[in-house]
Amino acid sequence: MRALVIADHDHQTIKGSTLNTVTAALACAPEVHVLVAGHHASAAAAAAAHIKGVTKVLHADAAGLAHGLAENLAAQVLALADGYTHILFPATAGGKNVAPRVAAKLDVGQVSDITRVDSPDTFERPIYAGNAMATVQATDAVKVITVRTTGFDAAAQQGGAAAVDVVAAVNESGKSQYVGSEIAKNDRPELTAAKIIVSGGRALGSSEKFDEVMTPLADKLGAAMGASRAAVDAGYAPNDWQVGQTGKIVAPQLYVACGISGAIQHLAGMKDSKVIVAINKDPEAPIFSVADYGLEADLFAAVPELVSQL
C-alpha cells in the first residue's frame, strides 16, 4: 500500500496542515509520498523531503500550478494517481476544492474530514456538527480522503531524507484563470496555526468595541484573533476570523471565548482546543459545557481587568 499526500505550501515552505496529513497517511500505508505542485517551488519540495516518514517527494512545476487552481491541480493528481491506495488532502479550503474532483474522476467515494485512522480502510469522522462521531469503511480500491488536521499530531519537519523526483506537469485546463488576490496583512499568527486564540462574539456590540476590548487581550497573550459567526455576520470582525463549522477549525493550546454563547456550529470549530476559557454573563450559555475554566461576568469589565493583571 502507498499513500500520496497533496502538500499545502506557499512555494517556499510547507504549511503545518501538510505535516498533520502526513501523520494520517502513515497510519494508512507504510509508504508515503508527497506531491508538491507549484511554480518555482523547489524550496517547498526540498522542505517536504525532510519530513519524517516521507519516502518520496514528487515535484511538478509549471506556471499553471502557480495559484492552486482546482482544475489544474486535480488533473495533476489524477496523472499520478495510478499505484496509490490512498490519496490524502488537508481539509483546508484548497484541499476541499480539489479532493471531490479527484474522487469523481476516479469514480470512488470520498471520505471527508477524518479525525482518526482505525485501519487502512476504516476511519472516524465527525457528523452532526461534531455532536457524534461516525466510523466509516471505504471499500473502493483507492481511498480519497480529506484530513481534519486538528485530529492528528504534526509529523516532524526534520528527520526525513526522501528523494525528490521531478514529474511532468499537466497542461493547463483552460477552464479557469487566475485574475488576482487581495491579501490582508496581519502581524498576528495565522488562525489555524496559532497556539493561543482570543475570540469575541455578538455580545461585543460593534467593531469598535471588538477592537477596544479584544485587541489588548490578544496583544498581551500574543494571540490570534477569532470571532463567532454571529459577530462576523454583524460586521464586527472580518470573515477570515470566523471559527466554527462554517469557518475555521482550530485546536490551539489556549482558546479564550468572550461573549460567545456557544452555538453548536461554533463549538464544532474549537472544542478540540487543549484549554478553553469562557467569559459570559449568561450562566446557561452552552460554551460553559465545553470550557475548562468559566467566568460568569460581564466581559466589558472582566476582559480589561484580565488585561491589567497580565
Protein backbone atom coordinates (compact mmCIF):
# COMPACT_ATOMS: atom_id res chain seq x y z
CA MET A 1 0.00 0.00 0.00
CA ARG A 2 1.16 3.51 -0.83
CA ALA A 3 -0.30 6.86 0.14
CA LEU A 4 0.02 10.18 -1.68
CA VAL A 5 -0.28 13.40 0.31
CA ILE A 6 -1.09 16.58 -1.60
CA ALA A 7 1.05 19.26 0.02
CA ASP A 8 -0.30 22.60 1.15
CA HIS A 9 2.51 25.12 0.59
CA ASP A 10 3.38 28.68 -0.40
CA HIS A 11 6.06 27.63 -2.94
CA GLN A 12 8.77 28.29 -0.37
CA THR A 13 7.69 26.42 2.76
CA ILE A 14 5.40 23.55 3.67
CA LYS A 15 2.38 24.58 5.72
CA GLY A 16 1.59 22.89 9.01
CA SER A 17 -1.56 21.23 7.66
CA THR A 18 0.64 19.04 5.46
CA LEU A 19 2.50 17.71 8.49
CA ASN A 20 -0.74 16.60 10.15
CA THR A 21 -1.85 14.97 6.90
CA VAL A 22 1.42 13.03 6.66
CA THR A 23 0.74 11.59 10.13
CA ALA A 24 -2.68 10.43 8.94
CA ALA A 25 -1.15 8.95 5.79
CA LEU A 26 1.41 6.97 7.81
CA ALA A 27 -1.49 5.35 9.67
CA CYS A 28 -2.98 4.31 6.32
CA ALA A 29 0.07 2.95 4.49
CA PRO A 30 3.72 2.16 5.22
CA GLU A 31 4.96 4.14 2.21
CA VAL A 32 4.06 7.83 1.99
CA HIS A 33 4.81 10.11 -0.95
CA VAL A 34 4.16 13.87 -1.06
CA LEU A 35 3.17 15.82 -4.16
CA VAL A 36 4.42 19.42 -4.29
CA ALA A 37 2.68 21.03 -7.26
CA GLY A 38 3.51 24.67 -7.88
CA HIS A 39 5.68 27.11 -9.78
CA HIS A 40 9.29 27.75 -8.74
CA ALA A 41 8.51 25.64 -5.69
CA SER A 42 11.78 23.73 -5.40
CA ALA A 43 12.33 25.12 -1.89
CA ALA A 44 8.99 23.67 -0.78
CA ALA A 45 9.85 20.32 -2.37
CA ALA A 46 13.18 20.27 -0.54
CA ALA A 47 11.40 21.04 2.75
CA ALA A 48 8.93 18.21 2.12
CA ALA A 49 11.83 15.79 1.64
CA HIS A 50 12.92 16.43 5.24
CA ILE A 51 9.54 15.49 6.76
CA LYS A 52 9.96 12.40 8.90
CA GLY A 53 8.16 9.40 7.43
CA VAL A 54 8.06 10.63 3.84
CA THR A 55 9.78 8.24 1.42
CA LYS A 56 9.50 10.23 -1.82
CA VAL A 57 8.59 13.74 -2.97
CA LEU A 58 7.02 14.29 -6.37
CA HIS A 59 7.69 17.80 -7.67
CA ALA A 60 5.53 19.13 -10.51
CA ASP A 61 6.49 22.64 -11.62
CA ALA A 62 4.54 24.72 -14.12
CA ALA A 63 3.01 28.17 -14.42
CA GLY A 64 -0.47 26.62 -14.45
CA LEU A 65 0.12 25.26 -10.96
CA ALA A 66 1.23 28.58 -9.50
CA HIS A 67 -2.05 29.53 -7.87
CA GLY A 68 -3.54 26.16 -6.93
CA LEU A 69 -6.40 26.33 -9.45
CA ALA A 70 -8.55 23.31 -8.67
CA GLU A 71 -8.93 22.09 -12.27
CA ASN A 72 -5.18 22.07 -12.91
CA LEU A 73 -4.20 20.59 -9.55
CA ALA A 74 -6.85 17.86 -9.79
CA ALA A 75 -5.55 16.92 -13.25
CA GLN A 76 -2.01 16.74 -11.85
CA VAL A 77 -3.11 14.43 -9.04
CA LEU A 78 -5.02 12.20 -11.45
CA ALA A 79 -1.98 11.93 -13.71
CA LEU A 80 -0.04 10.46 -10.78
CA ALA A 81 -2.82 8.50 -9.05
CA ASP A 82 -2.01 5.10 -10.51
CA GLY A 83 -0.40 2.81 -7.93
CA TYR A 84 -1.65 4.65 -4.86
CA THR A 85 -4.17 3.12 -2.48
CA HIS A 86 -4.75 6.35 -0.55
CA ILE A 87 -4.77 9.98 -1.72
CA LEU A 88 -4.95 12.44 1.16
CA PHE A 89 -5.60 16.18 1.23
CA PRO A 90 -5.61 18.54 4.22
CA ALA A 91 -9.22 19.59 4.91
CA THR A 92 -8.38 23.21 4.07
CA ALA A 93 -10.26 25.40 1.60
CA GLY A 94 -7.83 24.29 -1.11
CA GLY A 95 -7.98 20.61 -0.23
CA LYS A 96 -11.77 20.61 -0.10
CA ASN A 97 -11.81 22.25 -3.52
CA VAL A 98 -9.65 19.64 -5.23
CA ALA A 99 -10.41 16.34 -3.47
CA PRO A 100 -14.02 15.94 -4.73
CA ARG A 101 -12.87 16.45 -8.31
CA VAL A 102 -10.27 13.71 -7.92
CA ALA A 103 -12.75 11.34 -6.28
CA ALA A 104 -15.35 11.94 -9.01
CA LYS A 105 -12.87 11.34 -11.83
CA LEU A 106 -11.69 8.12 -10.15
CA ASP A 107 -15.34 7.13 -9.62
CA VAL A 108 -14.84 6.49 -5.91
CA GLY A 109 -16.46 7.81 -2.78
CA GLN A 110 -14.65 10.49 -0.78
CA VAL A 111 -14.09 10.10 2.95
CA SER A 112 -14.24 13.62 4.36
CA ASP A 113 -12.77 15.26 7.43
CA ILE A 114 -11.30 12.18 9.11
CA THR A 115 -10.08 12.54 12.69
CA ARG A 116 -8.74 9.01 13.23
CA VAL A 117 -7.50 6.03 11.21
CA ASP A 118 -8.68 2.70 12.64
CA SER A 119 -7.31 0.61 9.76
CA PRO A 120 -6.33 1.24 6.12
CA ASP A 121 -9.99 1.18 5.09
CA THR A 122 -11.78 2.33 8.27
CA PHE A 123 -11.87 5.91 9.53
CA GLU A 124 -13.55 8.09 12.14
CA ARG A 125 -15.16 11.36 11.14
CA PRO A 126 -17.48 13.87 12.86
CA ILE A 127 -21.14 14.20 11.90
CA TYR A 128 -23.98 16.45 13.10
CA ALA A 129 -21.60 19.40 13.62
CA GLY A 130 -19.30 17.24 15.71
CA ASN A 131 -22.01 16.08 18.12
CA ALA A 132 -21.49 12.47 17.03
CA MET A 133 -18.59 10.52 15.58
CA ALA A 134 -19.13 8.06 12.75
CA THR A 135 -16.89 5.12 11.90
CA VAL A 136 -16.94 4.58 8.14
CA GLN A 137 -15.43 1.87 5.97
CA ALA A 138 -14.30 2.66 2.44
CA THR A 139 -14.37 -0.32 0.10
CA ASP A 140 -13.09 1.42 -3.02
CA ALA A 141 -9.69 0.40 -4.36
CA VAL A 142 -8.48 3.99 -3.97
CA LYS A 143 -9.40 5.98 -0.88
CA VAL A 144 -9.67 9.73 -1.46
CA ILE A 145 -9.54 11.38 1.95
CA THR A 146 -9.59 14.86 3.45
CA VAL A 147 -7.93 15.11 6.86
CA ARG A 148 -9.14 17.32 9.71
CA THR A 149 -5.71 18.43 10.78
CA THR A 150 -6.67 19.07 14.41
CA GLY A 151 -7.25 15.32 14.80
CA PHE A 152 -3.61 14.35 14.15
CA ASP A 153 -0.26 15.36 15.60
CA ALA A 154 2.11 17.06 13.19
CA ALA A 155 4.87 14.94 11.68
CA ALA A 156 8.39 16.11 12.47
CA GLN A 157 9.68 18.66 9.96
CA GLN A 158 13.18 17.20 10.21
CA GLY A 159 14.45 13.66 10.23
CA GLY A 160 13.48 12.52 6.76
CA ALA A 161 15.72 12.11 3.73
CA ALA A 162 13.33 11.45 0.87
CA ALA A 163 14.33 11.61 -2.77
CA VAL A 164 12.81 14.43 -4.85
CA ASP A 165 11.57 13.24 -8.24
CA VAL A 166 10.63 15.83 -10.84
CA VAL A 167 7.47 14.73 -12.64
CA ALA A 168 5.90 16.05 -15.82
CA ALA A 169 3.39 18.83 -15.21
CA VAL A 170 -0.01 18.60 -16.87
CA ASN A 171 -1.18 21.15 -19.39
CA GLU A 172 -3.45 23.93 -18.20
CA SER A 173 -7.12 23.01 -18.39
CA GLY A 174 -8.17 26.42 -19.65
CA LYS A 175 -11.35 26.16 -17.58
CA SER A 176 -10.36 28.81 -15.07
CA GLN A 177 -7.94 31.69 -14.89
CA TYR A 178 -6.19 33.41 -12.00
CA VAL A 179 -7.10 37.08 -12.02
CA GLY A 180 -5.71 38.39 -8.74
CA SER A 181 -5.94 38.31 -4.98
CA GLU A 182 -6.26 40.74 -2.13
CA ILE A 183 -4.29 39.54 0.85
CA ALA A 184 -4.91 41.17 4.20
CA LYS A 185 -1.71 41.92 6.07
CA ASN A 186 -1.75 40.64 9.62
CA ASP A 187 1.01 40.74 12.19
CA ARG A 188 -0.75 38.12 14.30
CA PRO A 189 -0.33 34.34 13.99
CA GLU A 190 -2.41 32.61 11.32
CA LEU A 191 -5.64 31.42 12.95
CA THR A 192 -5.41 27.68 12.21
CA ALA A 193 -1.75 27.53 13.29
CA ALA A 194 -1.95 29.74 16.40
CA LYS A 195 -1.16 28.32 19.84
CA ILE A 196 -3.40 30.92 21.54
CA ILE A 197 -6.67 32.33 20.15
CA VAL A 198 -8.82 35.09 21.61
CA SER A 199 -12.36 35.10 20.19
CA GLY A 200 -15.25 37.51 20.57
CA GLY A 201 -18.96 37.15 19.98
CA ARG A 202 -22.00 39.22 19.13
CA ALA A 203 -22.18 40.49 22.74
CA LEU A 204 -19.38 42.95 21.94
CA GLY A 205 -21.93 45.03 20.05
CA SER A 206 -19.74 46.76 17.46
CA SER A 207 -16.47 46.53 15.58
CA GLU A 208 -15.16 49.43 17.65
CA LYS A 209 -15.84 47.58 20.91
CA PHE A 210 -14.34 44.44 19.39
CA ASP A 211 -11.12 46.33 18.74
CA GLU A 212 -11.20 48.20 22.05
CA VAL A 213 -11.81 45.18 24.28
CA MET A 214 -10.34 42.18 22.44
CA THR A 215 -7.20 43.60 20.82
CA PRO A 216 -5.40 44.45 24.12
CA LEU A 217 -6.00 40.90 25.38
CA ALA A 218 -4.70 39.39 22.15
CA ASP A 219 -1.67 41.69 22.31
CA LYS A 220 -0.87 40.63 25.89
CA LEU A 221 -1.14 36.94 25.05
CA GLY A 222 0.49 37.11 21.59
CA ALA A 223 -2.70 35.51 20.30
CA ALA A 224 -4.54 35.24 17.01
CA MET A 225 -7.96 36.88 16.83
CA GLY A 226 -11.12 34.86 16.22
CA ALA A 227 -14.84 35.52 16.16
CA SER A 228 -18.15 33.72 16.21
CA ARG A 229 -20.29 33.55 13.09
CA ALA A 230 -22.78 35.96 14.68
CA ALA A 231 -20.04 38.54 15.20
CA VAL A 232 -18.82 38.15 11.63
CA ASP A 233 -22.34 38.34 10.18
CA ALA A 234 -22.93 41.52 12.19
CA GLY A 235 -19.79 43.07 10.70
CA TYR A 236 -17.86 43.25 13.97
CA ALA A 237 -14.98 41.11 12.66
CA PRO A 238 -13.65 40.09 9.21
CA ASN A 239 -14.74 36.82 7.64
CA ASP A 240 -11.31 35.18 7.92
CA TRP A 241 -11.56 35.37 11.72
CA GLN A 242 -14.64 33.13 11.83
CA VAL A 243 -14.24 29.99 13.91
CA GLY A 244 -16.77 27.19 13.55
CA GLN A 245 -18.27 24.59 11.27
CA THR A 246 -18.71 27.17 8.51
CA GLY A 247 -15.45 28.94 9.37
CA LYS A 248 -12.09 27.60 10.50
CA ILE A 249 -11.48 24.50 12.61
CA VAL A 250 -8.90 25.24 15.29
CA ALA A 251 -7.25 23.41 18.17
CA PRO A 252 -4.88 25.80 19.94
CA GLN A 253 -3.25 25.27 23.33
CA LEU A 254 -5.49 28.04 24.74
CA TYR A 255 -8.84 29.31 23.43
CA VAL A 256 -10.41 32.32 25.17
CA ALA A 257 -14.08 32.86 24.26
CA CYS A 258 -15.50 36.24 25.28
CA GLY A 259 -19.20 36.94 24.87
CA ILE A 260 -19.73 33.78 22.81
CA SER A 261 -22.81 31.78 23.73
CA GLY A 262 -21.51 28.57 22.19
CA ALA A 263 -23.83 27.63 19.34
CA ILE A 264 -23.34 24.09 18.02
CA GLN A 265 -21.64 25.27 14.85
CA HIS A 266 -19.12 27.34 16.83
CA LEU A 267 -18.33 24.52 19.26
CA ALA A 268 -17.65 22.23 16.29
CA GLY A 269 -14.79 24.51 15.30
CA MET A 270 -12.98 24.88 18.63
CA LYS A 271 -13.94 22.19 21.12
CA ASP A 272 -10.70 20.27 20.46
CA SER A 273 -8.69 23.15 21.97
CA LYS A 274 -6.45 21.96 24.78
CA VAL A 275 -7.68 24.56 27.32
CA ILE A 276 -10.89 26.55 26.86
CA VAL A 277 -11.64 29.68 28.88
CA ALA A 278 -15.14 31.18 28.62
CA ILE A 279 -16.27 34.62 29.80
CA ASN A 280 -20.02 35.14 29.59
CA LYS A 281 -22.62 36.72 31.85
CA ASP A 282 -25.25 34.09 30.96
CA PRO A 283 -24.82 31.11 33.33
CA GLU A 284 -26.80 28.92 30.91
CA ALA A 285 -24.56 29.63 27.91
CA PRO A 286 -23.63 26.35 26.13
CA ILE A 287 -19.99 27.46 25.94
CA PHE A 288 -19.64 26.59 29.63
CA SER A 289 -20.36 22.92 28.83
CA VAL A 290 -17.02 22.60 27.00
CA ALA A 291 -14.99 25.18 28.97
CA ASP A 292 -12.19 24.10 31.29
CA TYR A 293 -12.47 27.46 33.06
CA GLY A 294 -15.61 29.57 33.08
CA LEU A 295 -16.12 33.10 34.37
CA GLU A 296 -19.72 34.28 34.76
CA ALA A 297 -19.17 38.00 34.32
CA ASP A 298 -19.70 41.00 32.07
CA LEU A 299 -16.91 40.81 29.50
CA PHE A 300 -16.63 44.63 29.37
CA ALA A 301 -15.47 44.57 32.99
CA ALA A 302 -13.74 41.19 33.12
CA VAL A 303 -11.56 41.41 30.00
CA PRO A 304 -9.96 44.81 30.85
CA GLU A 305 -9.31 43.57 34.38
CA LEU A 306 -7.72 40.42 32.97
CA VAL A 307 -5.53 42.54 30.70
CA SER A 308 -4.43 44.68 33.65
CA GLN A 309 -3.34 41.57 35.55
CA LEU A 310 -1.32 40.07 32.69
